[in-house]
Amino acid sequence: MFIFNFKEFECPFNCFTEIIKGKWRTGIILSLSQNPKRFSELKKELDGVSSKVLTDNLKVFEQSGIINRTVFPTVPPSVEYSLTEQGFELAKIMDSINSWAGIFLNQKETVN
């Protein structure tokens, strides 16, 4: 049994797809794989995402141990998001899938 975001899965791949499904989740992971970012930097980089949707996705990833949320004791408080070790592993898998998809799609174009 695998659990993500309070949902149970029998198959680990189905759990994986639940982790990355959604319009903004892959963008969040890939953005944070480059370097830690503050909320406003992520929002700017993910053009079109609402503050609520970004906040909700960041909370899910934080609760799941995929990202770290660091609060700096400034006035006003500053918050920075970064990937955990598991988050970096996920980003590597996503990069591999992106590479495979690029090769696959280029091969399909030459066949058609």
PDB file of N, CA and C in Angstrom:
ATOM      1  N   MET A   1       0.850  -1.181   0.000  1.00  0.00           N
ATOM      2  CA  MET A   1       0.000   0.000   0.000  1.00  0.00           C
ATOM      3  C   MET A   1       0.893   1.241   0.000  1.00  0.00           C
ATOM      4  N   PHE A   2       0.541   2.201  -0.844  1.00  0.00           N
ATOM      5  CA  PHE A   2       1.281   3.457  -0.960  1.00  0.00           C
ATOM      6  C   PHE A   2       0.309   4.594  -0.696  1.00  0.00           C
ATOM      7  N   ILE A   3       0.779   5.612   0.012  1.00  0.00           N
ATOM      8  CA  ILE A   3      -0.094   6.737   0.369  1.00  0.00           C
ATOM      9  C   ILE A   3       0.560   8.040  -0.071  1.00  0.00           C
ATOM     10  N   PHE A   4      -0.224   8.872  -0.746  1.00  0.00           N
ATOM     11  CA  PHE A   4       0.193  10.226  -1.096  1.00  0.00           C
ATOM     12  C   PHE A   4      -1.014  11.128  -0.968  1.00  0.00           C
ATOM     13  N   ASN A   5      -0.831  12.251  -0.306  1.00  0.00           N
ATOM     14  CA  ASN A   5      -1.896  13.243  -0.153  1.00  0.00           C
ATOM     15  C   ASN A   5      -3.167  12.604   0.416  1.00  0.00           C
ATOM     16  N   PHE A   6      -2.975  11.717   1.395  1.00  0.00           N
ATOM     17  CA  PHE A   6      -4.049  11.038   2.107  1.00  0.00           C
ATOM     18  C   PHE A   6      -4.849  10.067   1.243  1.00  0.00           C
ATOM     19  N   LYS A   7      -4.320   9.693   0.075  1.00  0.00           N
ATOM     20  CA  LYS A   7      -4.968   8.706  -0.785  1.00  0.00           C
ATOM     21  C   LYS A   7      -4.118   7.447  -0.785  1.00  0.00           C
ATOM     22  N   GLU A   8      -4.779   6.289  -0.844  1.00  0.00           N
ATOM     23  CA  GLU A   8      -4.080   5.013  -0.853  1.00  0.00           C
ATOM     24  C   GLU A   8      -4.017   4.458  -2.274  1.00  0.00           C
ATOM     25  N   PHE A   9      -2.869   3.851  -2.592  1.00  0.00           N
ATOM     26  CA  PHE A   9      -2.651   3.277  -3.914  1.00  0.00           C
ATOM     27  C   PHE A   9      -2.075   1.880  -3.770  1.00  0.00           C
ATOM     28  N   GLU A  10      -2.542   0.954  -4.579  1.00  0.00           N
ATOM     29  CA  GLU A  10      -1.995  -0.403  -4.604  1.00  0.00           C
ATOM     30  C   GLU A  10      -0.727  -0.449  -5.447  1.00  0.00           C
ATOM     31  N   CYS A  11      -0.672   0.371  -6.458  1.00  0.00           N
ATOM     32  CA  CYS A  11       0.433   0.347  -7.417  1.00  0.00           C
ATOM     33  C   CYS A  11       1.322   1.587  -7.215  1.00  0.00           C
ATOM     34  N   PRO A  12       2.639   1.399  -7.100  1.00  0.00           N
ATOM     35  CA  PRO A  12       3.506   2.563  -6.912  1.00  0.00           C
ATOM     36  C   PRO A  12       3.481   3.531  -8.096  1.00  0.00           C
ATOM     37  N   PHE A  13       3.281   3.011  -9.316  1.00  0.00           N
ATOM     38  CA  PHE A  13       3.244   3.914 -10.471  1.00  0.00           C
ATOM     39  C   PHE A  13       2.005   4.803 -10.425  1.00  0.00           C
ATOM     40  N   ASN A  14       0.885   4.263  -9.971  1.00  0.00           N
ATOM     41  CA  ASN A  14      -0.321   5.086  -9.828  1.00  0.00           C
ATOM     42  C   ASN A  14      -0.106   6.178  -8.785  1.00  0.00           C
ATOM     43  N   CYS A  15       0.636   5.848  -7.741  1.00  0.00           N
ATOM     44  CA  CYS A  15       0.987   6.859  -6.737  1.00  0.00           C
ATOM     45  C   CYS A  15       1.876   7.933  -7.369  1.00  0.00           C
ATOM     46  N   PHE A  16       2.854   7.520  -8.173  1.00  0.00           N
ATOM     47  CA  PHE A  16       3.734   8.459  -8.877  1.00  0.00           C
ATOM     48  C   PHE A  16       2.931   9.419  -9.747  1.00  0.00           C
ATOM     49  N   THR A  17       1.982   8.883 -10.511  1.00  0.00           N
ATOM     50  CA  THR A  17       1.196   9.765 -11.385  1.00  0.00           C
ATOM     51  C   THR A  17       0.346  10.739 -10.564  1.00  0.00           C
ATOM     52  N   GLU A  18      -0.094  10.318  -9.395  1.00  0.00           N
ATOM     53  CA  GLU A  18      -0.844  11.223  -8.514  1.00  0.00           C
ATOM     54  C   GLU A  18       0.054  12.361  -8.023  1.00  0.00           C
ATOM     55  N   ILE A  19       1.326  12.043  -7.760  1.00  0.00           N
ATOM     56  CA  ILE A  19       2.267  13.052  -7.289  1.00  0.00           C
ATOM     57  C   ILE A  19       2.477  14.133  -8.340  1.00  0.00           C
ATOM     58  N   ILE A  20       2.622  13.742  -9.605  1.00  0.00           N
ATOM     59  CA  ILE A  20       2.952  14.727 -10.638  1.00  0.00           C
ATOM     60  C   ILE A  20       1.758  15.240 -11.423  1.00  0.00           C
ATOM     61  N   LYS A  21       0.562  14.695 -11.168  1.00  0.00           N
ATOM     62  CA  LYS A  21      -0.583  15.145 -11.958  1.00  0.00           C
ATOM     63  C   LYS A  21      -0.991  16.548 -11.550  1.00  0.00           C
ATOM     64  N   GLY A  22      -1.523  17.237 -12.488  1.00  0.00           N
ATOM     65  CA  GLY A  22      -1.922  18.612 -12.250  1.00  0.00           C
ATOM     66  C   GLY A  22      -1.113  19.533 -13.145  1.00  0.00           C
ATOM     67  N   LYS A  23      -1.696  20.631 -13.464  1.00  0.00           N
ATOM     68  CA  LYS A  23      -1.087  21.547 -14.428  1.00  0.00           C
ATOM     69  C   LYS A  23       0.233  22.132 -13.951  1.00  0.00           C
ATOM     70  N   TRP A  24       0.417  22.331 -12.649  1.00  0.00           N
ATOM     71  CA  TRP A  24       1.565  23.089 -12.156  1.00  0.00           C
ATOM     72  C   TRP A  24       2.610  22.269 -11.424  1.00  0.00           C
ATOM     73  N   ARG A  25       2.302  21.036 -11.069  1.00  0.00           N
ATOM     74  CA  ARG A  25       3.208  20.266 -10.217  1.00  0.00           C
ATOM     75  C   ARG A  25       4.560  19.972 -10.856  1.00  0.00           C
ATOM     76  N   THR A  26       4.565  19.579 -12.105  1.00  0.00           N
ATOM     77  CA  THR A  26       5.858  19.304 -12.742  1.00  0.00           C
ATOM     78  C   THR A  26       6.674  20.584 -12.851  1.00  0.00           C
ATOM     79  N   GLY A  27       6.027  21.686 -13.146  1.00  0.00           N
ATOM     80  CA  GLY A  27       6.724  22.968 -13.234  1.00  0.00           C
ATOM     81  C   GLY A  27       7.339  23.376 -11.904  1.00  0.00           C
ATOM     82  N   ILE A  28       6.627  23.131 -10.820  1.00  0.00           N
ATOM     83  CA  ILE A  28       7.152  23.458  -9.486  1.00  0.00           C
ATOM     84  C   ILE A  28       8.406  22.636  -9.209  1.00  0.00           C
ATOM     85  N   ILE A  29       8.330  21.335  -9.448  1.00  0.00           N
ATOM     86  CA  ILE A  29       9.470  20.450  -9.172  1.00  0.00           C
ATOM     87  C   ILE A  29      10.661  20.834 -10.044  1.00  0.00           C
ATOM     88  N   LEU A  30      10.430  21.015 -11.325  1.00  0.00           N
ATOM     89  CA  LEU A  30      11.546  21.337 -12.225  1.00  0.00           C
ATOM     90  C   LEU A  30      12.136  22.712 -11.913  1.00  0.00           C
ATOM     91  N   SER A  31      11.317  23.657 -11.522  1.00  0.00           N
ATOM     92  CA  SER A  31      11.822  24.978 -11.158  1.00  0.00           C
ATOM     93  C   SER A  31      12.706  24.904  -9.914  1.00  0.00           C
ATOM     94  N   LEU A  32      12.232  24.195  -8.905  1.00  0.00           N
ATOM     95  CA  LEU A  32      13.003  24.085  -7.667  1.00  0.00           C
ATOM     96  C   LEU A  32      14.242  23.206  -7.816  1.00  0.00           C
ATOM     97  N   SER A  33      14.289  22.398  -8.870  1.00  0.00           N
ATOM     98  CA  SER A  33      15.486  21.572  -9.087  1.00  0.00           C
ATOM     99  C   SER A  33      16.666  22.437  -9.524  1.00  0.00           C
ATOM    100  N   GLN A  34      16.385  23.622 -10.037  1.00  0.00           N
ATOM    101  CA  GLN A  34      17.446  24.540 -10.445  1.00  0.00           C
ATOM    102  C   GLN A  34      18.091  25.221  -9.243  1.00  0.00           C
ATOM    103  N   ASN A  35      17.246  25.706  -8.330  1.00  0.00           N
ATOM    104  CA  ASN A  35      17.716  26.354  -7.110  1.00  0.00           C
ATOM    105  C   ASN A  35      16.514  26.698  -6.229  1.00  0.00           C
ATOM    106  N   PRO A  36      16.743  26.910  -4.923  1.00  0.00           N
ATOM    107  CA  PRO A  36      15.632  27.302  -4.039  1.00  0.00           C
ATOM    108  C   PRO A  36      15.016  28.623  -4.497  1.00  0.00           C
ATOM    109  N   LYS A  37      13.729  28.772  -4.226  1.00  0.00           N
ATOM    110  CA  LYS A  37      13.032  29.987  -4.657  1.00  0.00           C
ATOM    111  C   LYS A  37      12.047  30.441  -3.599  1.00  0.00           C
ATOM    112  N   ARG A  38      11.814  31.732  -3.599  1.00  0.00           N
ATOM    113  CA  ARG A  38      10.764  32.309  -2.764  1.00  0.00           C
ATOM    114  C   ARG A  38       9.443  32.179  -3.524  1.00  0.00           C
ATOM    115  N   PHE A  39       8.357  32.329  -2.787  1.00  0.00           N
ATOM    116  CA  PHE A  39       7.026  32.168  -3.362  1.00  0.00           C
ATOM    117  C   PHE A  39       6.843  33.065  -4.589  1.00  0.00           C
ATOM    118  N   SER A  40       7.225  34.332  -4.461  1.00  0.00           N
ATOM    119  CA  SER A  40       7.017  35.283  -5.565  1.00  0.00           C
ATOM    120  C   SER A  40       7.832  34.890  -6.800  1.00  0.00           C
ATOM    121  N   GLU A  41       9.019  34.324  -6.592  1.00  0.00           N
ATOM    122  CA  GLU A  41       9.838  33.877  -7.732  1.00  0.00           C
ATOM    123  C   GLU A  41       9.176  32.704  -8.440  1.00  0.00           C
ATOM    124  N   LEU A  42       8.653  31.765  -7.663  1.00  0.00           N
ATOM    125  CA  LEU A  42       7.937  30.623  -8.264  1.00  0.00           C
ATOM    126  C   LEU A  42       6.709  31.099  -9.030  1.00  0.00           C
ATOM    127  N   LYS A  43       5.950  31.995  -8.416  1.00  0.00           N
ATOM    128  CA  LYS A  43       4.726  32.493  -9.055  1.00  0.00           C
ATOM    129  C   LYS A  43       5.047  33.192 -10.377  1.00  0.00           C
ATOM    130  N   LYS A  44       6.113  33.951 -10.392  1.00  0.00           N
ATOM    131  CA  LYS A  44       6.517  34.647 -11.609  1.00  0.00           C
ATOM    132  C   LYS A  44       6.982  33.657 -12.677  1.00  0.00           C
ATOM    133  N   GLU A  45       7.738  32.651 -12.251  1.00  0.00           N
ATOM    134  CA  GLU A  45       8.260  31.662 -13.193  1.00  0.00           C
ATOM    135  C   GLU A  45       7.150  30.786 -13.783  1.00  0.00           C
ATOM    136  N   LEU A  46       6.129  30.496 -12.984  1.00  0.00           N
ATOM    137  CA  LEU A  46       5.009  29.678 -13.432  1.00  0.00           C
ATOM    138  C   LEU A  46       3.877  30.597 -13.878  1.00  0.00           C
ATOM    139  N   ASP A  47       4.112  31.283 -14.960  1.00  0.00           N
ATOM    140  CA  ASP A  47       3.194  32.304 -15.467  1.00  0.00           C
ATOM    141  C   ASP A  47       1.770  31.776 -15.579  1.00  0.00           C
ATOM    142  N   GLY A  48       0.856  32.418 -14.872  1.00  0.00           N
ATOM    143  CA  GLY A  48      -0.546  32.055 -14.954  1.00  0.00           C
ATOM    144  C   GLY A  48      -1.068  31.299 -13.737  1.00  0.00           C
ATOM    145  N   VAL A  49      -0.201  30.799 -12.875  1.00  0.00           N
ATOM    146  CA  VAL A  49      -0.658  30.074 -11.695  1.00  0.00           C
ATOM    147  C   VAL A  49      -1.212  31.075 -10.679  1.00  0.00           C
ATOM    148  N   SER A  50      -2.318  30.710 -10.046  1.00  0.00           N
ATOM    149  CA  SER A  50      -2.880  31.583  -9.013  1.00  0.00           C
ATOM    150  C   SER A  50      -2.138  31.344  -7.704  1.00  0.00           C
ATOM    151  N   SER A  51      -2.193  32.319  -6.829  1.00  0.00           N
ATOM    152  CA  SER A  51      -1.545  32.183  -5.520  1.00  0.00           C
ATOM    153  C   SER A  51      -2.120  31.014  -4.738  1.00  0.00           C
ATOM    154  N   LYS A  52      -3.429  30.827  -4.814  1.00  0.00           N
ATOM    155  CA  LYS A  52      -4.078  29.734  -4.082  1.00  0.00           C
ATOM    156  C   LYS A  52      -3.614  28.374  -4.587  1.00  0.00           C
ATOM    157  N   VAL A  53      -3.594  28.190  -5.892  1.00  0.00           N
ATOM    158  CA  VAL A  53      -3.181  26.906  -6.465  1.00  0.00           C
ATOM    159  C   VAL A  53      -1.717  26.621  -6.142  1.00  0.00           C
ATOM    160  N   LEU A  54      -0.873  27.631  -6.257  1.00  0.00           N
ATOM    161  CA  LEU A  54       0.536  27.445  -5.930  1.00  0.00           C
ATOM    162  C   LEU A  54       0.699  27.089  -4.455  1.00  0.00           C
ATOM    163  N   THR A  55       0.018  27.800  -3.589  1.00  0.00           N
ATOM    164  CA  THR A  55       0.075  27.521  -2.147  1.00  0.00           C
ATOM    165  C   THR A  55      -0.398  26.105  -1.850  1.00  0.00           C
ATOM    166  N   ASP A  56      -1.510  25.702  -2.434  1.00  0.00           N
ATOM    167  CA  ASP A  56      -2.041  24.352  -2.202  1.00  0.00           C
ATOM    168  C   ASP A  56      -1.051  23.282  -2.635  1.00  0.00           C
ATOM    169  N   ASN A  57      -0.451  23.447  -3.808  1.00  0.00           N
ATOM    170  CA  ASN A  57       0.500  22.454  -4.304  1.00  0.00           C
ATOM    171  C   ASN A  57       1.766  22.422  -3.453  1.00  0.00           C
ATOM    172  N   LEU A  58       2.242  23.582  -3.027  1.00  0.00           N
ATOM    173  CA  LEU A  58       3.424  23.624  -2.169  1.00  0.00           C
ATOM    174  C   LEU A  58       3.149  22.936  -0.832  1.00  0.00           C
ATOM    175  N   LYS A  59       1.946  23.107  -0.291  1.00  0.00           N
ATOM    176  CA  LYS A  59       1.584  22.446   0.965  1.00  0.00           C
ATOM    177  C   LYS A  59       1.572  20.929   0.806  1.00  0.00           C
ATOM    178  N   VAL A  60       1.003  20.455  -0.285  1.00  0.00           N
ATOM    179  CA  VAL A  60       0.966  19.008  -0.542  1.00  0.00           C
ATOM    180  C   VAL A  60       2.384  18.457  -0.643  1.00  0.00           C
ATOM    181  N   PHE A  61       3.239  19.136  -1.388  1.00  0.00           N
ATOM    182  CA  PHE A  61       4.620  18.682  -1.535  1.00  0.00           C
ATOM    183  C   PHE A  61       5.380  18.752  -0.207  1.00  0.00           C
ATOM    184  N   GLU A  62       5.120  19.782   0.590  1.00  0.00           N
ATOM    185  CA  GLU A  62       5.794  19.897   1.881  1.00  0.00           C
ATOM    186  C   GLU A  62       5.347  18.777   2.821  1.00  0.00           C
ATOM    187  N   GLN A  63       4.047  18.525   2.898  1.00  0.00           N
ATOM    188  CA  GLN A  63       3.523  17.468   3.763  1.00  0.00           C
ATOM    189  C   GLN A  63       4.028  16.091   3.334  1.00  0.00           C
ATOM    190  N   SER A  64       4.326  15.927   2.066  1.00  0.00           N
ATOM    191  CA  SER A  64       4.776  14.642   1.534  1.00  0.00           C
ATOM    192  C   SER A  64       6.284  14.472   1.601  1.00  0.00           C
ATOM    193  N   GLY A  65       6.993  15.509   2.000  1.00  0.00           N
ATOM    194  CA  GLY A  65       8.444  15.409   2.109  1.00  0.00           C
ATOM    195  C   GLY A  65       9.184  15.601   0.802  1.00  0.00           C
ATOM    196  N   ILE A  66       8.540  16.227  -0.176  1.00  0.00           N
ATOM    197  CA  ILE A  66       9.174  16.472  -1.472  1.00  0.00           C
ATOM    198  C   ILE A  66       9.874  17.828  -1.494  1.00  0.00           C
ATOM    199  N   ILE A  67       9.321  18.787  -0.764  1.00  0.00           N
ATOM    200  CA  ILE A  67       9.980  20.097  -0.671  1.00  0.00           C
ATOM    201  C   ILE A  67      10.146  20.502   0.786  1.00  0.00           C
ATOM    202  N   ASN A  68      11.113  21.380   1.011  1.00  0.00           N
ATOM    203  CA  ASN A  68      11.328  22.021   2.305  1.00  0.00           C
ATOM    204  C   ASN A  68      10.799  23.441   2.226  1.00  0.00           C
ATOM    205  N   ARG A  69      10.233  23.894   3.311  1.00  0.00           N
ATOM    206  CA  ARG A  69       9.792  25.282   3.445  1.00  0.00           C
ATOM    207  C   ARG A  69      10.598  25.891   4.580  1.00  0.00           C
ATOM    208  N   THR A  70      11.413  26.888   4.252  1.00  0.00           N
ATOM    209  CA  THR A  70      12.263  27.526   5.248  1.00  0.00           C
ATOM    210  C   THR A  70      11.775  28.951   5.476  1.00  0.00           C
ATOM    211  N   VAL A  71      11.487  29.266   6.734  1.00  0.00           N
ATOM    212  CA  VAL A  71      11.036  30.607   7.098  1.00  0.00           C
ATOM    213  C   VAL A  71      12.218  31.342   7.716  1.00  0.00           C
ATOM    214  N   PHE A  72      12.531  32.506   7.168  1.00  0.00           N
ATOM    215  CA  PHE A  72      13.622  33.332   7.673  1.00  0.00           C
ATOM    216  C   PHE A  72      13.054  34.386   8.613  1.00  0.00           C
ATOM    217  N   PRO A  73      13.708  34.617   9.742  1.00  0.00           N
ATOM    218  CA  PRO A  73      13.188  35.564  10.745  1.00  0.00           C
ATOM    219  C   PRO A  73      13.459  37.024  10.380  1.00  0.00           C
ATOM    220  N   THR A  74      12.808  37.464   9.328  1.00  0.00           N
ATOM    221  CA  THR A  74      12.919  38.860   8.910  1.00  0.00           C
ATOM    222  C   THR A  74      11.562  39.516   9.098  1.00  0.00           C
ATOM    223  N   VAL A  75      11.520  40.816   8.933  1.00  0.00           N
ATOM    224  CA  VAL A  75      10.242  41.533   9.008  1.00  0.00           C
ATOM    225  C   VAL A  75      10.001  42.192   7.666  1.00  0.00           C
ATOM    226  N   PRO A  76       8.976  41.781   6.928  1.00  0.00           N
ATOM    227  CA  PRO A  76       8.113  40.629   7.184  1.00  0.00           C
ATOM    228  C   PRO A  76       8.879  39.318   6.964  1.00  0.00           C
ATOM    229  N   PRO A  77       8.351  38.210   7.484  1.00  0.00           N
ATOM    230  CA  PRO A  77       9.046  36.929   7.332  1.00  0.00           C
ATOM    231  C   PRO A  77       9.220  36.559   5.852  1.00  0.00           C
ATOM    232  N   SER A  78      10.370  36.009   5.531  1.00  0.00           N
ATOM    233  CA  SER A  78      10.648  35.513   4.178  1.00  0.00           C
ATOM    234  C   SER A  78      10.559  34.003   4.194  1.00  0.00           C
ATOM    235  N   VAL A  79      10.012  33.438   3.130  1.00  0.00           N
ATOM    236  CA  VAL A  79       9.875  31.988   3.017  1.00  0.00           C
ATOM    237  C   VAL A  79      10.555  31.549   1.728  1.00  0.00           C
ATOM    238  N   GLU A  80      11.320  30.482   1.831  1.00  0.00           N
ATOM    239  CA  GLU A  80      12.011  29.934   0.662  1.00  0.00           C
ATOM    240  C   GLU A  80      11.674  28.450   0.554  1.00  0.00           C
ATOM    241  N   TYR A  81      11.484  27.997  -0.678  1.00  0.00           N
ATOM    242  CA  TYR A  81      11.162  26.600  -0.946  1.00  0.00           C
ATOM    243  C   TYR A  81      12.330  25.950  -1.670  1.00  0.00           C
ATOM    244  N   SER A  82      12.613  24.712  -1.293  1.00  0.00           N
ATOM    245  CA  SER A  82      13.676  23.945  -1.937  1.00  0.00           C
ATOM    246  C   SER A  82      13.272  22.481  -1.958  1.00  0.00           C
ATOM    247  N   LEU A  83      13.926  21.715  -2.807  1.00  0.00           N
ATOM    248  CA  LEU A  83      13.639  20.290  -2.878  1.00  0.00           C
ATOM    249  C   LEU A  83      14.372  19.544  -1.774  1.00  0.00           C
ATOM    250  N   THR A  84      13.733  18.511  -1.269  1.00  0.00           N
ATOM    251  CA  THR A  84      14.390  17.584  -0.353  1.00  0.00           C
ATOM    252  C   THR A  84      15.176  16.591  -1.208  1.00  0.00           C
ATOM    253  N   GLU A  85      15.857  15.675  -0.550  1.00  0.00           N
ATOM    254  CA  GLU A  85      16.572  14.630  -1.287  1.00  0.00           C
ATOM    255  C   GLU A  85      15.604  13.833  -2.155  1.00  0.00           C
ATOM    256  N   GLN A  86      14.437  13.509  -1.613  1.00  0.00           N
ATOM    257  CA  GLN A  86      13.427  12.796  -2.406  1.00  0.00           C
ATOM    258  C   GLN A  86      12.920  13.657  -3.554  1.00  0.00           C
ATOM    259  N   GLY A  87      12.808  14.944  -3.324  1.00  0.00           N
ATOM    260  CA  GLY A  87      12.382  15.853  -4.387  1.00  0.00           C
ATOM    261  C   GLY A  87      13.382  15.879  -5.528  1.00  0.00           C
ATOM    262  N   PHE A  88      14.696  15.879  -5.190  1.00  0.00           N
ATOM    263  CA  PHE A  88      15.721  15.840  -6.242  1.00  0.00           C
ATOM    264  C   PHE A  88      15.674  14.519  -7.003  1.00  0.00           C
ATOM    265  N   GLU A  89      15.397  13.428  -6.317  1.00  0.00           N
ATOM    266  CA  GLU A  89      15.257  12.136  -6.995  1.00  0.00           C
ATOM    267  C   GLU A  89      14.078  12.181  -7.973  1.00  0.00           C
ATOM    268  N   LEU A  90      12.983  12.774  -7.536  1.00  0.00           N
ATOM    269  CA  LEU A  90      11.816  12.927  -8.412  1.00  0.00           C
ATOM    270  C   LEU A  90      12.162  13.783  -9.624  1.00  0.00           C
ATOM    271  N   ALA A  91      12.889  14.860  -9.423  1.00  0.00           N
ATOM    272  CA  ALA A  91      13.285  15.748 -10.528  1.00  0.00           C
ATOM    273  C   ALA A  91      14.149  14.991 -11.535  1.00  0.00           C
ATOM    274  N   LYS A  92      15.052  14.124 -11.056  1.00  0.00           N
ATOM    275  CA  LYS A  92      15.882  13.327 -11.972  1.00  0.00           C
ATOM    276  C   LYS A  92      15.025  12.392 -12.817  1.00  0.00           C
ATOM    277  N   ILE A  93      14.041  11.771 -12.189  1.00  0.00           N
ATOM    278  CA  ILE A  93      13.124  10.887 -12.922  1.00  0.00           C
ATOM    279  C   ILE A  93      12.362  11.683 -13.976  1.00  0.00           C
ATOM    280  N   MET A  94      11.902  12.863 -13.601  1.00  0.00           N
ATOM    281  CA  MET A  94      11.154  13.700 -14.547  1.00  0.00           C
ATOM    282  C   MET A  94      12.047  14.143 -15.706  1.00  0.00           C
ATOM    283  N   ASP A  95      13.313  14.460 -15.436  1.00  0.00           N
ATOM    284  CA  ASP A  95      14.250  14.807 -16.512  1.00  0.00           C
ATOM    285  C   ASP A  95      14.435  13.633 -17.461  1.00  0.00           C
ATOM    286  N   SER A  96      14.536  12.421 -16.906  1.00  0.00           N
ATOM    287  CA  SER A  96      14.679  11.224 -17.744  1.00  0.00           C
ATOM    288  C   SER A  96      13.451  11.012 -18.623  1.00  0.00           C
ATOM    289  N   ILE A  97      12.287  11.216 -18.042  1.00  0.00           N
ATOM    290  CA  ILE A  97      11.046  11.069 -18.818  1.00  0.00           C
ATOM    291  C   ILE A  97      10.995  12.130 -19.916  1.00  0.00           C
ATOM    292  N   ASN A  98      11.386  13.363 -19.603  1.00  0.00           N
ATOM    293  CA  ASN A  98      11.415  14.425 -20.610  1.00  0.00           C
ATOM    294  C   ASN A  98      12.369  14.072 -21.750  1.00  0.00           C
ATOM    295  N   SER A  99      13.531  13.524 -21.409  1.00  0.00           N
ATOM    296  CA  SER A  99      14.498  13.122 -22.438  1.00  0.00           C
ATOM    297  C   SER A  99      13.923  12.019 -23.316  1.00  0.00           C
ATOM    298  N   TRP A 100      13.341  11.011 -22.670  1.00  0.00           N
ATOM    299  CA  TRP A 100      12.741   9.915 -23.430  1.00  0.00           C
ATOM    300  C   TRP A 100      11.643  10.437 -24.353  1.00  0.00           C
ATOM    301  N   ALA A 101      10.782  11.303 -23.820  1.00  0.00           N
ATOM    302  CA  ALA A 101       9.667  11.829 -24.620  1.00  0.00           C
ATOM    303  C   ALA A 101      10.180  12.620 -25.818  1.00  0.00           C
ATOM    304  N   GLY A 102      11.240  13.409 -25.621  1.00  0.00           N
ATOM    305  CA  GLY A 102      11.806  14.171 -26.739  1.00  0.00           C
ATOM    306  C   GLY A 102      12.326  13.248 -27.830  1.00  0.00           C
ATOM    307  N   ILE A 103      13.037  12.203 -27.447  1.00  0.00           N
ATOM    308  CA  ILE A 103      13.552  11.232 -28.423  1.00  0.00           C
ATOM    309  C   ILE A 103      12.396  10.525 -29.110  1.00  0.00           C
ATOM    310  N   PHE A 104      11.421  10.071 -28.335  1.00  0.00           N
ATOM    311  CA  PHE A 104      10.267   9.362 -28.887  1.00  0.00           C
ATOM    312  C   PHE A 104       9.511  10.227 -29.888  1.00  0.00           C
ATOM    313  N   LEU A 105       9.258  11.475 -29.524  1.00  0.00           N
ATOM    314  CA  LEU A 105       8.491  12.353 -30.412  1.00  0.00           C
ATOM    315  C   LEU A 105       9.279  12.712 -31.655  1.00  0.00           C
ATOM    316  N   ASN A 106      10.596  12.894 -31.543  1.00  0.00           N
ATOM    317  CA  ASN A 106      11.418  13.169 -32.721  1.00  0.00           C
ATOM    318  C   ASN A 106      11.440  11.977 -33.658  1.00  0.00           C
ATOM    319  N   GLN A 107      11.476  10.764 -33.115  1.00  0.00           N
ATOM    320  CA  GLN A 107      11.448   9.550 -33.945  1.00  0.00           C
ATOM    321  C   GLN A 107      10.111   9.415 -34.657  1.00  0.00           C
ATOM    322  N   LYS A 108       9.030   9.752 -33.971  1.00  0.00           N
ATOM    323  CA  LYS A 108       7.702   9.672 -34.582  1.00  0.00           C
ATOM    324  C   LYS A 108       7.592  10.654 -35.748  1.00  0.00           C
ATOM    325  N   GLU A 109       8.193  11.848 -35.609  1.00  0.00           N
ATOM    326  CA  GLU A 109       8.125  12.853 -36.664  1.00  0.00           C
ATOM    327  C   GLU A 109       8.857  12.370 -37.908  1.00  0.00           C
ATOM    328  N   THR A 110       9.974  11.678 -37.752  1.00  0.00           N
ATOM    329  CA  THR A 110      10.735  11.212 -38.918  1.00  0.00           C
ATOM    330  C   THR A 110      10.039  10.038 -39.584  1.00  0.00           C
ATOM    331  N   VAL A 111       9.226   9.266 -38.826  1.00  0.00           N
ATOM    332  CA  VAL A 111       8.508   8.135 -39.405  1.00  0.00           C
ATOM    333  C   VAL A 111       7.296   8.631 -40.178  1.00  0.00           C
ATOM    334  N   ASN A 112       6.620   9.648 -39.676  1.00  0.00           N
ATOM    335  CA  ASN A 112       5.395  10.138 -40.319  1.00  0.00           C
ATOM    336  C   ASN A 112       5.718  10.958 -41.478  1.00  0.00           C
TER     337      ASN A 112
END
